[in-house]
Amino acid sequence: MKRLYAILNVDLFPDGEALLAAARELAAGGVTLLQYRNKSGNARGMLEQARELRTQLGDSVQLIMNDRADLCLAAGFDGVHVGQEDLSPESARRIVGPNLMLGVSTHTSEQVIEACKTSADYVAIGPVFATASKSDPDPVVGLDGVRQARALTRKRLVAIGGITRGNCRSVIDAGADAVAVISDLLQEPRKSAEEFLRILR
C-alpha cells in the first residue's frame, strides 16, 4: 500500500467536471490509490461518475468505492471501503469476492479488534486530528490512537482525519502504513500530492 491514500469527496466539488479534473491532477502528481466518496448522490449518477473516473485514470490508479460494494463491481473498481454504519465487512466481501481490496473504518480500539476478525485488507483509524470534512465526526483519537491501533492489528493501517502536509510524517511515525487525505489535496491537487509523497518517502 502506498503511503498516500487520496479521497475525493464529491460534496467538496462544484460539479462533476471539477472532481474529474482533480482526479487527473492527483494522478499526475503520483497518487496511485484513490477513494471515490459520494454520500449524497443517487446510484445511477454515482455509477456514471465512477465509470468516468475509471475510464480517465485507467489502470494506473487503484480506485476504491466508499460504502457501495455493488457499485464497486459495476464500475470496475479495485475495492470497497465500508464504515461502521454501512454494510458489514463480511457482507461486502461476499459481494466483491476474494480478490478486490476491502477496507473498514474504525474509531476505537474495540472496533479495531473486531475489524481484525474480518477479511478486511486494511483498517482505517480516525479521526486522528480534528477534521472539517465530516459534519458529525467521531471523537479525535490522536497519535496515541494510531499507536494503539498499530499494536492491535497486523493488517495494513490507514490513518484518517485532519491529516496535512504539516503533520503527516508524525502519523506514519506513530505506526500508520498510509495516510488518507481529503482537504489538504483540494488546492492545487498535483502540487499537493507531490509534496505529500516527498514528505512521506
N, C-alpha and C. Protein backbone atom coordinates (compact mmCIF):
# COMPACT_ATOMS: atom_id res chain seq x y z
N MET A 1 0.84 -1.19 0.00
CA MET A 1 0.00 0.00 0.00
C MET A 1 0.87 1.25 0.00
N LYS A 2 0.60 2.15 -0.94
CA LYS A 2 1.32 3.41 -0.98
C LYS A 2 0.97 4.25 0.24
N ARG A 3 1.84 5.15 0.61
CA ARG A 3 1.63 5.90 1.86
C ARG A 3 0.58 7.00 1.75
N LEU A 4 0.24 7.42 0.53
CA LEU A 4 -0.78 8.45 0.36
C LEU A 4 -2.05 7.83 -0.22
N TYR A 5 -3.13 7.93 0.55
CA TYR A 5 -4.44 7.41 0.18
C TYR A 5 -5.34 8.64 -0.01
N ALA A 6 -5.51 9.03 -1.25
CA ALA A 6 -6.29 10.24 -1.54
C ALA A 6 -7.78 9.92 -1.56
N ILE A 7 -8.58 10.85 -1.06
CA ILE A 7 -10.03 10.69 -1.07
C ILE A 7 -10.67 11.88 -1.78
N LEU A 8 -11.50 11.56 -2.76
CA LEU A 8 -12.27 12.58 -3.47
C LEU A 8 -13.68 12.57 -2.91
N ASN A 9 -14.01 13.61 -2.16
CA ASN A 9 -15.35 13.76 -1.58
C ASN A 9 -16.17 14.63 -2.51
N VAL A 10 -17.16 14.03 -3.16
CA VAL A 10 -17.96 14.72 -4.17
C VAL A 10 -18.54 16.03 -3.64
N ASP A 11 -18.93 16.05 -2.37
CA ASP A 11 -19.58 17.23 -1.80
C ASP A 11 -18.67 18.46 -1.76
N LEU A 12 -17.37 18.27 -1.94
CA LEU A 12 -16.43 19.37 -1.86
C LEU A 12 -16.10 19.98 -3.22
N PHE A 13 -16.77 19.48 -4.28
CA PHE A 13 -16.52 19.98 -5.62
C PHE A 13 -17.79 20.61 -6.20
N PRO A 14 -17.64 21.68 -6.98
CA PRO A 14 -18.83 22.37 -7.52
C PRO A 14 -19.59 21.53 -8.53
N ASP A 15 -18.89 20.65 -9.25
CA ASP A 15 -19.56 19.81 -10.24
C ASP A 15 -18.68 18.61 -10.57
N GLY A 16 -19.23 17.72 -11.39
CA GLY A 16 -18.51 16.50 -11.73
C GLY A 16 -17.23 16.74 -12.49
N GLU A 17 -17.21 17.74 -13.35
CA GLU A 17 -16.00 18.00 -14.13
C GLU A 17 -14.87 18.46 -13.23
N ALA A 18 -15.19 19.25 -12.21
CA ALA A 18 -14.16 19.70 -11.27
C ALA A 18 -13.58 18.51 -10.52
N LEU A 19 -14.43 17.56 -10.16
CA LEU A 19 -13.96 16.35 -9.47
C LEU A 19 -13.05 15.53 -10.38
N LEU A 20 -13.45 15.35 -11.63
CA LEU A 20 -12.64 14.58 -12.56
C LEU A 20 -11.31 15.27 -12.84
N ALA A 21 -11.34 16.60 -12.93
CA ALA A 21 -10.11 17.35 -13.15
C ALA A 21 -9.15 17.16 -11.97
N ALA A 22 -9.70 17.19 -10.76
CA ALA A 22 -8.87 16.97 -9.57
C ALA A 22 -8.28 15.57 -9.57
N ALA A 23 -9.08 14.59 -9.98
CA ALA A 23 -8.58 13.21 -10.04
C ALA A 23 -7.41 13.09 -11.01
N ARG A 24 -7.53 13.73 -12.17
CA ARG A 24 -6.44 13.69 -13.15
C ARG A 24 -5.19 14.36 -12.60
N GLU A 25 -5.37 15.46 -11.89
CA GLU A 25 -4.23 16.18 -11.31
C GLU A 25 -3.54 15.33 -10.23
N LEU A 26 -4.35 14.69 -9.40
CA LEU A 26 -3.79 13.83 -8.35
C LEU A 26 -2.97 12.70 -8.96
N ALA A 27 -3.51 12.08 -10.01
CA ALA A 27 -2.79 11.00 -10.67
C ALA A 27 -1.48 11.52 -11.28
N ALA A 28 -1.53 12.71 -11.86
CA ALA A 28 -0.33 13.30 -12.44
C ALA A 28 0.70 13.61 -11.36
N GLY A 29 0.23 13.85 -10.13
CA GLY A 29 1.12 14.14 -9.02
C GLY A 29 1.68 12.91 -8.33
N GLY A 30 1.27 11.72 -8.81
CA GLY A 30 1.83 10.48 -8.27
C GLY A 30 0.89 9.64 -7.43
N VAL A 31 -0.36 10.10 -7.25
CA VAL A 31 -1.32 9.32 -6.47
C VAL A 31 -1.66 8.03 -7.20
N THR A 32 -1.59 6.91 -6.50
CA THR A 32 -1.91 5.61 -7.11
C THR A 32 -3.03 4.89 -6.36
N LEU A 33 -3.58 5.52 -5.32
CA LEU A 33 -4.68 4.94 -4.55
C LEU A 33 -5.67 6.05 -4.26
N LEU A 34 -6.91 5.88 -4.73
CA LEU A 34 -7.88 6.97 -4.68
C LEU A 34 -9.26 6.42 -4.32
N GLN A 35 -9.86 7.03 -3.31
CA GLN A 35 -11.22 6.63 -2.93
C GLN A 35 -12.24 7.64 -3.47
N TYR A 36 -13.30 7.11 -4.05
CA TYR A 36 -14.42 7.93 -4.51
C TYR A 36 -15.50 7.90 -3.43
N ARG A 37 -15.77 9.06 -2.84
CA ARG A 37 -16.75 9.15 -1.76
C ARG A 37 -17.90 10.04 -2.20
N ASN A 38 -19.09 9.46 -2.23
CA ASN A 38 -20.29 10.22 -2.61
C ASN A 38 -21.42 9.81 -1.69
N LYS A 39 -21.69 10.66 -0.69
CA LYS A 39 -22.71 10.36 0.31
C LYS A 39 -24.09 10.90 -0.07
N SER A 40 -24.15 11.70 -1.13
CA SER A 40 -25.41 12.39 -1.43
C SER A 40 -26.00 12.06 -2.79
N GLY A 41 -25.26 11.34 -3.64
CA GLY A 41 -25.74 11.09 -4.99
C GLY A 41 -26.66 9.88 -5.08
N ASN A 42 -27.36 9.78 -6.20
CA ASN A 42 -28.17 8.59 -6.45
C ASN A 42 -27.30 7.55 -7.16
N ALA A 43 -27.74 6.31 -7.12
CA ALA A 43 -26.91 5.21 -7.61
C ALA A 43 -26.54 5.38 -9.08
N ARG A 44 -27.48 5.83 -9.90
CA ARG A 44 -27.21 5.96 -11.33
C ARG A 44 -26.13 7.02 -11.58
N GLY A 45 -26.27 8.16 -10.91
CA GLY A 45 -25.29 9.23 -11.08
C GLY A 45 -23.92 8.83 -10.55
N MET A 46 -23.91 8.14 -9.42
CA MET A 46 -22.64 7.68 -8.84
C MET A 46 -21.93 6.71 -9.77
N LEU A 47 -22.71 5.78 -10.34
CA LEU A 47 -22.12 4.79 -11.23
C LEU A 47 -21.54 5.45 -12.48
N GLU A 48 -22.26 6.41 -13.02
CA GLU A 48 -21.80 7.12 -14.21
C GLU A 48 -20.48 7.85 -13.93
N GLN A 49 -20.44 8.54 -12.78
CA GLN A 49 -19.23 9.29 -12.42
C GLN A 49 -18.07 8.34 -12.12
N ALA A 50 -18.37 7.25 -11.43
CA ALA A 50 -17.34 6.27 -11.09
C ALA A 50 -16.74 5.64 -12.35
N ARG A 51 -17.60 5.32 -13.29
CA ARG A 51 -17.11 4.74 -14.54
C ARG A 51 -16.24 5.73 -15.31
N GLU A 52 -16.61 7.00 -15.23
CA GLU A 52 -15.81 8.03 -15.90
C GLU A 52 -14.44 8.15 -15.25
N LEU A 53 -14.41 8.04 -13.92
CA LEU A 53 -13.12 8.04 -13.21
C LEU A 53 -12.26 6.87 -13.69
N ARG A 54 -12.86 5.70 -13.77
CA ARG A 54 -12.13 4.51 -14.22
C ARG A 54 -11.58 4.71 -15.62
N THR A 55 -12.41 5.26 -16.50
CA THR A 55 -12.00 5.49 -17.89
C THR A 55 -10.85 6.48 -17.97
N GLN A 56 -10.97 7.59 -17.24
CA GLN A 56 -9.97 8.64 -17.36
C GLN A 56 -8.65 8.29 -16.68
N LEU A 57 -8.71 7.53 -15.61
CA LEU A 57 -7.48 7.22 -14.86
C LEU A 57 -6.83 5.91 -15.31
N GLY A 58 -7.60 5.07 -16.00
CA GLY A 58 -7.04 3.81 -16.47
C GLY A 58 -6.63 2.92 -15.31
N ASP A 59 -5.61 2.12 -15.54
CA ASP A 59 -5.18 1.15 -14.53
C ASP A 59 -4.03 1.66 -13.67
N SER A 60 -3.65 2.92 -13.88
CA SER A 60 -2.51 3.45 -13.13
C SER A 60 -2.87 3.80 -11.69
N VAL A 61 -4.17 3.91 -11.41
CA VAL A 61 -4.65 4.27 -10.07
C VAL A 61 -5.61 3.20 -9.57
N GLN A 62 -5.37 2.72 -8.35
CA GLN A 62 -6.33 1.81 -7.72
C GLN A 62 -7.50 2.64 -7.21
N LEU A 63 -8.70 2.28 -7.62
CA LEU A 63 -9.89 3.04 -7.23
C LEU A 63 -10.71 2.27 -6.21
N ILE A 64 -11.05 2.96 -5.13
CA ILE A 64 -11.83 2.39 -4.04
C ILE A 64 -13.18 3.09 -3.97
N MET A 65 -14.24 2.32 -3.93
CA MET A 65 -15.59 2.87 -3.79
C MET A 65 -15.96 2.94 -2.31
N ASN A 66 -16.42 4.09 -1.87
CA ASN A 66 -16.87 4.22 -0.49
C ASN A 66 -18.29 3.66 -0.35
N ASP A 67 -18.49 2.80 0.60
CA ASP A 67 -19.80 2.27 1.02
C ASP A 67 -20.39 1.21 0.10
N ARG A 68 -20.41 1.45 -1.21
CA ARG A 68 -21.25 0.68 -2.12
C ARG A 68 -20.49 -0.45 -2.83
N ALA A 69 -20.61 -1.65 -2.27
CA ALA A 69 -19.95 -2.81 -2.87
C ALA A 69 -20.52 -3.12 -4.25
N ASP A 70 -21.81 -2.90 -4.42
CA ASP A 70 -22.43 -3.18 -5.72
C ASP A 70 -21.90 -2.25 -6.80
N LEU A 71 -21.75 -0.97 -6.47
CA LEU A 71 -21.23 -0.02 -7.44
C LEU A 71 -19.74 -0.23 -7.69
N CYS A 72 -19.04 -0.71 -6.70
CA CYS A 72 -17.63 -1.06 -6.87
C CYS A 72 -17.48 -2.05 -8.02
N LEU A 73 -18.29 -3.09 -8.00
CA LEU A 73 -18.24 -4.09 -9.06
C LEU A 73 -18.68 -3.53 -10.39
N ALA A 74 -19.80 -2.80 -10.38
CA ALA A 74 -20.37 -2.29 -11.62
C ALA A 74 -19.45 -1.30 -12.32
N ALA A 75 -18.67 -0.56 -11.54
CA ALA A 75 -17.79 0.46 -12.12
C ALA A 75 -16.40 -0.08 -12.45
N GLY A 76 -16.15 -1.33 -12.10
CA GLY A 76 -14.83 -1.90 -12.36
C GLY A 76 -13.76 -1.36 -11.44
N PHE A 77 -14.15 -1.03 -10.19
CA PHE A 77 -13.19 -0.52 -9.22
C PHE A 77 -12.36 -1.64 -8.63
N ASP A 78 -11.33 -1.24 -7.88
CA ASP A 78 -10.39 -2.21 -7.32
C ASP A 78 -10.71 -2.61 -5.89
N GLY A 79 -11.67 -1.92 -5.27
CA GLY A 79 -12.00 -2.25 -3.89
C GLY A 79 -13.12 -1.41 -3.36
N VAL A 80 -13.53 -1.74 -2.14
CA VAL A 80 -14.61 -1.01 -1.47
C VAL A 80 -14.20 -0.73 -0.03
N HIS A 81 -14.67 0.40 0.49
CA HIS A 81 -14.40 0.78 1.87
C HIS A 81 -15.73 0.96 2.58
N VAL A 82 -15.89 0.31 3.74
CA VAL A 82 -17.14 0.40 4.49
C VAL A 82 -16.89 1.01 5.86
N GLY A 83 -17.91 1.74 6.35
CA GLY A 83 -17.85 2.35 7.67
C GLY A 83 -18.60 1.51 8.69
N GLN A 84 -18.65 2.02 9.90
CA GLN A 84 -19.30 1.30 10.98
C GLN A 84 -20.82 1.22 10.79
N GLU A 85 -21.38 2.17 10.05
CA GLU A 85 -22.83 2.19 9.84
C GLU A 85 -23.22 1.60 8.49
N ASP A 86 -22.26 1.11 7.73
CA ASP A 86 -22.54 0.60 6.40
C ASP A 86 -22.67 -0.92 6.42
N LEU A 87 -22.66 -1.49 5.24
CA LEU A 87 -22.64 -2.94 5.09
C LEU A 87 -21.48 -3.51 5.90
N SER A 88 -21.70 -4.67 6.54
CA SER A 88 -20.61 -5.27 7.31
C SER A 88 -19.48 -5.69 6.38
N PRO A 89 -18.25 -5.74 6.89
CA PRO A 89 -17.13 -6.16 6.04
C PRO A 89 -17.37 -7.51 5.37
N GLU A 90 -17.92 -8.46 6.10
CA GLU A 90 -18.12 -9.79 5.51
C GLU A 90 -19.21 -9.78 4.45
N SER A 91 -20.23 -8.94 4.63
CA SER A 91 -21.27 -8.83 3.59
C SER A 91 -20.68 -8.19 2.35
N ALA A 92 -19.84 -7.17 2.56
CA ALA A 92 -19.17 -6.53 1.42
C ALA A 92 -18.26 -7.52 0.72
N ARG A 93 -17.55 -8.34 1.48
CA ARG A 93 -16.64 -9.33 0.91
C ARG A 93 -17.40 -10.33 0.04
N ARG A 94 -18.58 -10.74 0.50
CA ARG A 94 -19.37 -11.69 -0.27
C ARG A 94 -19.76 -11.10 -1.63
N ILE A 95 -19.97 -9.80 -1.65
CA ILE A 95 -20.37 -9.15 -2.91
C ILE A 95 -19.18 -8.97 -3.84
N VAL A 96 -18.06 -8.45 -3.31
CA VAL A 96 -16.93 -8.12 -4.20
C VAL A 96 -16.01 -9.30 -4.47
N GLY A 97 -16.14 -10.36 -3.68
CA GLY A 97 -15.30 -11.53 -3.91
C GLY A 97 -13.96 -11.43 -3.21
N PRO A 98 -13.12 -12.46 -3.37
CA PRO A 98 -11.88 -12.55 -2.61
C PRO A 98 -10.73 -11.70 -3.13
N ASN A 99 -10.84 -11.20 -4.35
CA ASN A 99 -9.67 -10.58 -4.98
C ASN A 99 -9.63 -9.06 -4.92
N LEU A 100 -10.75 -8.42 -4.59
CA LEU A 100 -10.76 -6.96 -4.53
C LEU A 100 -10.39 -6.49 -3.11
N MET A 101 -9.89 -5.28 -3.04
CA MET A 101 -9.47 -4.72 -1.76
C MET A 101 -10.70 -4.35 -0.91
N LEU A 102 -10.60 -4.61 0.38
CA LEU A 102 -11.67 -4.28 1.32
C LEU A 102 -11.09 -3.55 2.52
N GLY A 103 -11.63 -2.38 2.80
CA GLY A 103 -11.20 -1.62 3.97
C GLY A 103 -12.37 -1.32 4.88
N VAL A 104 -12.08 -1.10 6.16
CA VAL A 104 -13.14 -0.80 7.12
C VAL A 104 -12.70 0.33 8.05
N SER A 105 -13.62 1.25 8.32
CA SER A 105 -13.33 2.36 9.23
C SER A 105 -13.50 1.93 10.68
N THR A 106 -12.60 2.42 11.53
CA THR A 106 -12.72 2.19 12.97
C THR A 106 -12.41 3.49 13.71
N HIS A 107 -12.95 3.59 14.92
CA HIS A 107 -12.77 4.82 15.71
C HIS A 107 -12.37 4.53 17.15
N THR A 108 -12.34 3.24 17.51
CA THR A 108 -11.99 2.84 18.87
C THR A 108 -11.15 1.56 18.83
N SER A 109 -10.48 1.27 19.91
CA SER A 109 -9.70 0.04 19.99
C SER A 109 -10.58 -1.19 19.81
N GLU A 110 -11.79 -1.12 20.39
CA GLU A 110 -12.72 -2.25 20.28
C GLU A 110 -13.09 -2.52 18.82
N GLN A 111 -13.30 -1.44 18.08
CA GLN A 111 -13.65 -1.60 16.66
C GLN A 111 -12.48 -2.13 15.86
N VAL A 112 -11.26 -1.73 16.23
CA VAL A 112 -10.07 -2.27 15.55
C VAL A 112 -9.99 -3.77 15.78
N ILE A 113 -10.22 -4.19 17.01
CA ILE A 113 -10.16 -5.62 17.34
C ILE A 113 -11.19 -6.40 16.53
N GLU A 114 -12.40 -5.85 16.42
CA GLU A 114 -13.46 -6.51 15.64
C GLU A 114 -13.09 -6.55 14.16
N ALA A 115 -12.52 -5.46 13.66
CA ALA A 115 -12.12 -5.42 12.25
C ALA A 115 -11.05 -6.46 11.93
N CYS A 116 -10.20 -6.75 12.92
CA CYS A 116 -9.14 -7.74 12.73
C CYS A 116 -9.69 -9.15 12.51
N LYS A 117 -10.92 -9.36 12.97
CA LYS A 117 -11.54 -10.69 12.84
C LYS A 117 -12.16 -10.88 11.46
N THR A 118 -12.21 -9.83 10.67
CA THR A 118 -12.85 -9.89 9.35
C THR A 118 -11.83 -10.13 8.26
N SER A 119 -12.31 -10.22 7.03
CA SER A 119 -11.42 -10.43 5.88
C SER A 119 -10.95 -9.11 5.28
N ALA A 120 -11.14 -8.01 6.00
CA ALA A 120 -10.69 -6.70 5.51
C ALA A 120 -9.18 -6.73 5.25
N ASP A 121 -8.76 -6.07 4.19
CA ASP A 121 -7.34 -6.00 3.87
C ASP A 121 -6.64 -4.89 4.64
N TYR A 122 -7.39 -3.85 4.97
CA TYR A 122 -6.80 -2.77 5.76
C TYR A 122 -7.84 -2.20 6.71
N VAL A 123 -7.34 -1.58 7.77
CA VAL A 123 -8.17 -0.95 8.79
C VAL A 123 -7.85 0.54 8.80
N ALA A 124 -8.87 1.37 8.75
CA ALA A 124 -8.68 2.81 8.86
C ALA A 124 -9.01 3.24 10.29
N ILE A 125 -8.16 4.08 10.86
CA ILE A 125 -8.38 4.58 12.21
C ILE A 125 -8.44 6.10 12.19
N GLY A 126 -9.41 6.64 12.93
CA GLY A 126 -9.51 8.10 12.96
C GLY A 126 -10.83 8.56 13.59
N PRO A 127 -11.05 9.85 13.63
CA PRO A 127 -10.15 10.89 13.13
C PRO A 127 -8.93 11.09 14.04
N VAL A 128 -7.76 11.18 13.40
CA VAL A 128 -6.53 11.39 14.16
C VAL A 128 -6.49 12.80 14.73
N PHE A 129 -6.84 13.77 13.89
CA PHE A 129 -6.91 15.17 14.30
C PHE A 129 -8.30 15.69 13.99
N ALA A 130 -8.60 16.88 14.48
CA ALA A 130 -9.90 17.50 14.18
C ALA A 130 -10.05 17.66 12.67
N THR A 131 -11.24 17.38 12.17
CA THR A 131 -11.48 17.43 10.73
C THR A 131 -12.75 18.20 10.41
N ALA A 132 -12.72 18.89 9.28
CA ALA A 132 -13.90 19.62 8.82
C ALA A 132 -14.58 18.90 7.66
N SER A 133 -14.06 17.72 7.30
CA SER A 133 -14.59 17.00 6.14
C SER A 133 -15.87 16.24 6.45
N LYS A 134 -16.19 16.06 7.74
CA LYS A 134 -17.43 15.41 8.13
C LYS A 134 -18.24 16.34 9.00
N SER A 135 -19.55 16.34 8.79
CA SER A 135 -20.42 17.24 9.56
C SER A 135 -20.59 16.77 11.00
N ASP A 136 -20.47 15.46 11.24
CA ASP A 136 -20.64 14.91 12.58
C ASP A 136 -19.54 13.89 12.87
N PRO A 137 -18.30 14.38 13.03
CA PRO A 137 -17.17 13.45 13.16
C PRO A 137 -17.15 12.72 14.50
N ASP A 138 -16.50 11.57 14.51
CA ASP A 138 -16.28 10.84 15.76
C ASP A 138 -15.22 11.57 16.57
N PRO A 139 -15.11 11.25 17.87
CA PRO A 139 -14.10 11.90 18.71
C PRO A 139 -12.69 11.65 18.18
N VAL A 140 -11.85 12.65 18.31
CA VAL A 140 -10.45 12.56 17.85
C VAL A 140 -9.71 11.49 18.64
N VAL A 141 -8.92 10.65 17.93
CA VAL A 141 -8.17 9.59 18.61
C VAL A 141 -6.73 10.01 18.87
N GLY A 142 -6.23 10.98 18.11
CA GLY A 142 -4.86 11.45 18.30
C GLY A 142 -3.82 10.44 17.85
N LEU A 143 -2.57 10.81 18.00
CA LEU A 143 -1.48 9.90 17.62
C LEU A 143 -1.44 8.67 18.53
N ASP A 144 -1.89 8.84 19.77
CA ASP A 144 -1.94 7.68 20.67
C ASP A 144 -2.92 6.63 20.15
N GLY A 145 -4.02 7.11 19.54
CA GLY A 145 -4.98 6.18 18.96
C GLY A 145 -4.38 5.39 17.80
N VAL A 146 -3.52 6.04 17.03
CA VAL A 146 -2.83 5.36 15.94
C VAL A 146 -1.88 4.31 16.51
N ARG A 147 -1.15 4.69 17.55
CA ARG A 147 -0.22 3.74 18.17
C ARG A 147 -0.96 2.52 18.75
N GLN A 148 -2.10 2.79 19.39
CA GLN A 148 -2.88 1.69 19.95
C GLN A 148 -3.40 0.77 18.86
N ALA A 149 -3.88 1.37 17.78
CA ALA A 149 -4.39 0.56 16.66
C ALA A 149 -3.27 -0.28 16.06
N ARG A 150 -2.08 0.33 15.94
CA ARG A 150 -0.94 -0.40 15.38
C ARG A 150 -0.60 -1.62 16.24
N ALA A 151 -0.72 -1.45 17.56
CA ALA A 151 -0.40 -2.55 18.47
C ALA A 151 -1.44 -3.66 18.40
N LEU A 152 -2.64 -3.33 17.91
CA LEU A 152 -3.75 -4.28 17.91
C LEU A 152 -3.93 -5.04 16.60
N THR A 153 -3.33 -4.56 15.54
CA THR A 153 -3.57 -5.21 14.24
C THR A 153 -2.29 -5.38 13.44
N ARG A 154 -2.25 -6.47 12.68
CA ARG A 154 -1.17 -6.70 11.73
C ARG A 154 -1.64 -6.37 10.32
N LYS A 155 -2.90 -6.00 10.21
CA LYS A 155 -3.40 -5.56 8.91
C LYS A 155 -2.81 -4.20 8.57
N ARG A 156 -2.86 -3.84 7.30
CA ARG A 156 -2.40 -2.52 6.92
C ARG A 156 -3.27 -1.47 7.60
N LEU A 157 -2.62 -0.43 8.10
CA LEU A 157 -3.31 0.58 8.89
C LEU A 157 -3.28 1.93 8.17
N VAL A 158 -4.47 2.46 7.93
CA VAL A 158 -4.62 3.76 7.28
C VAL A 158 -5.17 4.75 8.30
N ALA A 159 -4.46 5.85 8.49
CA ALA A 159 -4.92 6.89 9.42
C ALA A 159 -5.66 7.96 8.63
N ILE A 160 -6.73 8.49 9.22
CA ILE A 160 -7.55 9.49 8.53
C ILE A 160 -8.02 10.55 9.52
N GLY A 161 -8.26 11.73 9.02
CA GLY A 161 -8.85 12.78 9.84
C GLY A 161 -7.91 13.92 10.14
N GLY A 162 -8.08 15.04 9.43
CA GLY A 162 -7.29 16.24 9.71
C GLY A 162 -5.82 16.12 9.38
N ILE A 163 -5.47 15.19 8.49
CA ILE A 163 -4.06 14.98 8.17
C ILE A 163 -3.62 15.93 7.06
N THR A 164 -2.51 16.60 7.31
CA THR A 164 -1.98 17.62 6.40
C THR A 164 -0.52 17.34 6.10
N ARG A 165 0.04 18.14 5.19
CA ARG A 165 1.47 18.02 4.92
C ARG A 165 2.29 18.34 6.17
N GLY A 166 1.71 19.15 7.06
CA GLY A 166 2.42 19.54 8.27
C GLY A 166 2.49 18.48 9.34
N ASN A 167 1.53 17.55 9.34
CA ASN A 167 1.52 16.56 10.42
C ASN A 167 1.58 15.11 9.94
N CYS A 168 1.61 14.88 8.62
CA CYS A 168 1.51 13.51 8.11
C CYS A 168 2.68 12.62 8.52
N ARG A 169 3.86 13.21 8.62
CA ARG A 169 5.03 12.40 8.98
C ARG A 169 4.88 11.82 10.38
N SER A 170 4.31 12.62 11.28
CA SER A 170 4.12 12.15 12.66
C SER A 170 3.15 10.97 12.73
N VAL A 171 2.20 10.94 11.80
CA VAL A 171 1.21 9.86 11.76
C VAL A 171 1.87 8.56 11.29
N ILE A 172 2.72 8.66 10.28
CA ILE A 172 3.46 7.48 9.82
C ILE A 172 4.39 7.00 10.93
N ASP A 173 5.05 7.92 11.60
CA ASP A 173 5.97 7.56 12.69
C ASP A 173 5.23 6.89 13.85
N ALA A 174 3.92 7.19 13.98
CA ALA A 174 3.12 6.59 15.05
C ALA A 174 2.68 5.17 14.69
N GLY A 175 2.93 4.75 13.45
CA GLY A 175 2.64 3.37 13.09
C GLY A 175 1.72 3.15 11.91
N ALA A 176 1.17 4.22 11.34
CA ALA A 176 0.29 4.05 10.18
C ALA A 176 1.10 3.65 8.95
N ASP A 177 0.51 2.81 8.12
CA ASP A 177 1.14 2.45 6.85
C ASP A 177 0.85 3.50 5.78
N ALA A 178 -0.28 4.17 5.94
CA ALA A 178 -0.69 5.18 4.96
C ALA A 178 -1.53 6.24 5.63
N VAL A 179 -1.60 7.41 4.99
CA VAL A 179 -2.47 8.48 5.48
C VAL A 179 -3.51 8.78 4.43
N ALA A 180 -4.77 8.87 4.87
CA ALA A 180 -5.87 9.24 3.99
C ALA A 180 -6.08 10.74 4.10
N VAL A 181 -6.15 11.40 2.96
CA VAL A 181 -6.21 12.86 2.94
C VAL A 181 -7.34 13.33 2.04
N ILE A 182 -8.09 14.30 2.54
CA ILE A 182 -9.17 14.91 1.75
C ILE A 182 -8.86 16.38 1.52
N SER A 183 -8.98 17.18 2.59
CA SER A 183 -8.94 18.64 2.46
C SER A 183 -7.62 19.18 1.95
N ASP A 184 -6.50 18.62 2.42
CA ASP A 184 -5.21 19.19 2.06
C ASP A 184 -4.75 18.81 0.66
N LEU A 185 -5.63 18.15 -0.10
CA LEU A 185 -5.34 17.88 -1.50
C LEU A 185 -6.23 18.70 -2.43
N LEU A 186 -7.11 19.50 -1.87
CA LEU A 186 -8.09 20.23 -2.69
C LEU A 186 -7.45 21.36 -3.50
N GLN A 187 -6.58 22.13 -2.87
CA GLN A 187 -5.93 23.23 -3.56
C GLN A 187 -4.70 22.73 -4.31
N GLU A 188 -4.63 23.01 -5.59
CA GLU A 188 -3.51 22.57 -6.41
C GLU A 188 -3.21 21.08 -6.18
N PRO A 189 -4.13 20.22 -6.57
CA PRO A 189 -4.01 18.79 -6.26
C PRO A 189 -2.68 18.15 -6.67
N ARG A 190 -2.21 18.48 -7.87
CA ARG A 190 -0.97 17.84 -8.32
C ARG A 190 0.20 18.25 -7.44
N LYS A 191 0.35 19.53 -7.21
CA LYS A 191 1.45 20.02 -6.38
C LYS A 191 1.33 19.48 -4.95
N SER A 192 0.12 19.47 -4.42
CA SER A 192 -0.10 18.98 -3.06
C SER A 192 0.27 17.51 -2.94
N ALA A 193 -0.14 16.71 -3.93
CA ALA A 193 0.18 15.28 -3.91
C ALA A 193 1.68 15.06 -3.98
N GLU A 194 2.35 15.80 -4.84
CA GLU A 194 3.81 15.67 -4.97
C GLU A 194 4.49 16.00 -3.65
N GLU A 195 4.01 17.04 -2.97
CA GLU A 195 4.61 17.42 -1.69
C GLU A 195 4.36 16.36 -0.62
N PHE A 196 3.14 15.82 -0.56
CA PHE A 196 2.86 14.75 0.38
C PHE A 196 3.81 13.58 0.14
N LEU A 197 3.92 13.16 -1.10
CA LEU A 197 4.73 11.98 -1.42
C LEU A 197 6.21 12.22 -1.10
N ARG A 198 6.66 13.45 -1.27
CA ARG A 198 8.04 13.78 -0.93
C ARG A 198 8.25 13.67 0.59
N ILE A 199 7.30 14.18 1.36
CA ILE A 199 7.40 14.14 2.82
C ILE A 199 7.31 12.70 3.35
N LEU A 200 6.46 11.90 2.69
CA LEU A 200 6.18 10.55 3.18
C LEU A 200 7.19 9.50 2.72
N ARG A 201 8.15 9.90 1.93
CA ARG A 201 9.13 8.96 1.38
C ARG A 201 9.85 8.18 2.47
